[in-house]
Amino acid sequence: MISRSVSSSPASGSVPTAQSLEPILAASFLSYPVLRTLSLQLHSAITGSYVSGTYSVVFVNCPNEQIARDIARAILDKKLAASVNILPKASSLYFWNGEIEEATEILLILIIVTQRALLSFQRLVHPFEIPEVFSLPMDQGDVRYLKWLEEGTGED
């Protein structure tokens, strides 16, 4: 006869419960961005090749040229980017408070080593209530340029 009773004490080799896995799963999910970034940087360093998603193009709209220059200098001072392009006179049309608005803005373009620090920094220095700041992953790039980019950003 086969017993179908459930033991109250866990036997060796038993299947872990959802409760016992929660801390492990939480730690895995929270550390994923860090582990991904480290593995991409390690791969690039070892192979000398580019890995898609390691670098990003960031676009930032600014209300005028002086603010654009101030933000660009602050980004460079913090070494969040190695260079910033300032494109004058971008015409923008957008919805704001239920109305279509028009504005002439200045567009900043940055090529960066992908990081969250830049977006957090932008929220602190940008005058717009909701800054238009977004990034797109780069699929390709000249390896010499990307090496220069890495050398010009980050900690000293």
Foldseek 3Di string as FASTA:
>chain_A
DDDDDDDPDDDPPDDDDPVVCVVVVVVCVVCVVVVVLVVQVVVCVVVVDHDWQQKKKKKWKAQDDVLVVVLQVVCLVQQQWLHKDKAFFDWDWDDDPNDIDIGTIIMIITMGRDDCVSVVVCVVRGPDPDIPMDIDIDPDDDSVVVVVGVVSGDDD
